[in-house]
Structures are given as structure tokens and as C-alpha cells.
C-alpha atoms as a PDB file:
ATOM      1  CA  MET A   1      -6.457  18.462 -14.002  1.00  0.00           C
ATOM      2  CA  ARG A   2      -7.320  21.670 -16.316  1.00  0.00           C
ATOM      3  CA  ARG A   3      -9.184  23.495 -13.899  1.00  0.00           C
ATOM      4  CA  LEU A   4      -5.570  23.385 -11.716  1.00  0.00           C
ATOM      5  CA  VAL A   5      -3.246  24.967 -14.154  1.00  0.00           C
ATOM      6  CA  LYS A   6      -4.385  28.486 -13.190  1.00  0.00           C
ATOM      7  CA  PRO A   7      -4.069  28.196  -9.620  1.00  0.00           C
ATOM      8  CA  ALA A   8      -0.767  26.355  -9.972  1.00  0.00           C
ATOM      9  CA  ALA A   9       0.475  28.830 -12.183  1.00  0.00           C
ATOM     10  CA  GLU A  10      -0.507  31.497  -9.722  1.00  0.00           C
ATOM     11  CA  ALA A  11       1.743  29.684  -7.204  1.00  0.00           C
ATOM     12  CA  GLY A  12       4.702  29.936  -9.502  1.00  0.00           C
ATOM     13  CA  ILE A  13       4.221  26.068 -10.650  1.00  0.00           C
ATOM     14  CA  ALA A  14       3.905  24.893 -14.363  1.00  0.00           C
ATOM     15  CA  PHE A  15       2.538  21.461 -15.682  1.00  0.00           C
ATOM     16  CA  ASN A  16       1.100  19.974 -18.768  1.00  0.00           C
ATOM     17  CA  PRO A  17      -2.564  18.665 -18.213  1.00  0.00           C
ATOM     18  CA  GLY A  18      -2.332  15.055 -19.322  1.00  0.00           C
ATOM     19  CA  PRO A  19      -5.216  15.303 -22.088  1.00  0.00           C
ATOM     20  CA  GLU A  20      -3.060  17.865 -23.735  1.00  0.00           C
ATOM     21  CA  TRP A  21      -0.369  15.126 -24.024  1.00  0.00           C
ATOM     22  CA  SER A  22      -2.252  11.890 -24.801  1.00  0.00           C
ATOM     23  CA  CYS A  23      -3.705   9.915 -27.724  1.00  0.00           C
ATOM     24  CA  ASP A  24      -6.478   9.162 -25.164  1.00  0.00           C
ATOM     25  CA  PRO A  25      -7.813  12.725 -23.967  1.00  0.00           C
ATOM     26  CA  ASP A  26     -11.009  11.298 -22.319  1.00  0.00           C
ATOM     27  CA  GLY A  27      -8.850   8.445 -20.421  1.00  0.00           C
ATOM     28  CA  THR A  28      -6.297  10.850 -19.199  1.00  0.00           C
ATOM     29  CA  ARG A  29      -8.212  13.645 -17.623  1.00  0.00           C
ATOM     30  CA  SER A  30      -6.964  12.795 -14.193  1.00  0.00           C
ATOM     31  CA  HIS A  31      -3.403  12.995 -15.441  1.00  0.00           C
ATOM     32  CA  MET A  32      -0.582  15.495 -15.567  1.00  0.00           C
ATOM     33  CA  ARG A  33       2.807  15.531 -17.027  1.00  0.00           C
ATOM     34  CA  LEU A  34       5.526  16.712 -15.051  1.00  0.00           C
ATOM     35  CA  CYS A  35       9.044  17.846 -16.476  1.00  0.00           C
ATOM     36  CA  PHE A  36      12.099  17.973 -14.454  1.00  0.00           C
ATOM     37  CA  GLY A  37      14.908  19.300 -16.650  1.00  0.00           C
ATOM     38  CA  LEU A  38      17.823  20.367 -14.771  1.00  0.00           C
ATOM     39  CA  ALA A  39      16.083  20.609 -11.619  1.00  0.00           C
ATOM     40  CA  SER A  40      18.128  19.874  -8.309  1.00  0.00           C
ATOM     41  CA  LYS A  41      16.686  17.203  -5.995  1.00  0.00           C
ATOM     42  CA  GLU A  42      15.488  19.643  -3.536  1.00  0.00           C
ATOM     43  CA  GLN A  43      13.848  21.720  -6.181  1.00  0.00           C
ATOM     44  CA  ILE A  44      11.906  18.866  -7.474  1.00  0.00           C
ATOM     45  CA  ARG A  45      10.649  17.801  -3.613  1.00  0.00           C
ATOM     46  CA  ASP A  46      10.020  21.658  -2.955  1.00  0.00           C
ATOM     47  CA  GLY A  47       8.106  21.978  -6.364  1.00  0.00           C
ATOM     48  CA  VAL A  48       6.046  18.771  -6.042  1.00  0.00           C
ATOM     49  CA  ALA A  49       5.327  19.651  -2.289  1.00  0.00           C
ATOM     50  CA  ALA A  50       3.867  23.161  -3.354  1.00  0.00           C
ATOM     51  CA  LEU A  51       1.694  21.432  -6.315  1.00  0.00           C
ATOM     52  CA  ALA A  52       0.383  18.789  -3.673  1.00  0.00           C
ATOM     53  CA  ARG A  53      -0.685  22.267  -1.645  1.00  0.00           C
ATOM     54  CA  VAL A  54      -2.288  23.784  -4.567  1.00  0.00           C
ATOM     55  CA  CYS A  55      -4.046  20.295  -5.336  1.00  0.00           C
ATOM     56  CA  PHE A  56      -5.526  19.842  -1.812  1.00  0.00           C
ATOM     57  CA  GLU A  57      -6.314  23.712  -1.768  1.00  0.00           C
ATOM     58  CA  GLN A  58      -8.368  23.360  -5.011  1.00  0.00           C
ATOM     59  CA  THR A  59      -9.871  19.620  -4.509  1.00  0.00           C
ATOM     60  CA  GLY A  60      -9.393  18.347  -0.970  1.00  0.00           C
ATOM     61  CA  ILE A  61      -7.077  15.424  -2.202  1.00  0.00           C
ATOM     62  CA  PRO A  62      -4.702  14.498  -0.990  1.00  0.00           C
ATOM     63  CA  VAL A  63      -6.113  14.191   2.760  1.00  0.00           C
ATOM     64  CA  ARG A  64      -2.528  12.543   3.512  1.00  0.00           C
ATOM     65  CA  SER A  65       0.637  13.064   2.136  1.00  0.00           C
ATOM     66  CA  ALA A  66       3.724  11.445   3.533  1.00  0.00           C
ATOM     67  CA  ASN A  67       3.234  11.688   7.029  1.00  0.00           C
ATOM     68  CA  THR A  68       1.343  14.859   7.364  1.00  0.00           C
ATOM     69  CA  GLU A  69      -2.379  15.095   7.502  1.00  0.00           C
ATOM     70  CA  ASN A  70      -3.672  18.006   5.378  1.00  0.00           C
ATOM     71  CA  THR A  71      -6.228  19.995   7.651  1.00  0.00           C
ATOM     72  CA  ALA A  72      -7.094  23.199   5.593  1.00  0.00           C
ATOM     73  CA  ARG A  73     -10.348  23.279   3.886  1.00  0.00           C
ATOM     74  CA  ALA A  74     -10.498  22.966   0.068  1.00  0.00           C
ATOM     75  CA  ASN A  75     -12.820  25.637  -1.745  1.00  0.00           C
END
């Protein structure tokens, strides 16, 4: 998760890597904390879709999201 922080920030997305918010940092290396304060449903949906794009571009995961297969290549 930590390696996604900078690319996500460059895309205008902020999230907290799980290890920074856990009593068990090693056990939460693949977790993230998403906070939805006053966002609308549309903003949440768009933000999660943008975060999924960043994740795919950086890691190749997820190959499939909902009914859409990702075809871009990961770095």
C-alpha cells in the first residue's frame, strides 16, 4: 500500500496505508483506510474508480473490476 500513496496523490487521491493505522502493521501491509467524510455517493463512486485505476496502473491488480476487464499494462 505504501507504494501507492505517491501515485494516488498525483491523481488527486488521498488514502491512509493500513500499517499506519493498525496495532499490527505487518499484518495490514496490504490494507488501506478510506475515509468518506461529507462525500456524495457519486463522489465516492468516482473516487473509488480513480483509486482502482491507480492500483491497476501500479500493480496490475485488479484484472477485472465489476463488469470491466482492465487492459492497460502495469509498470
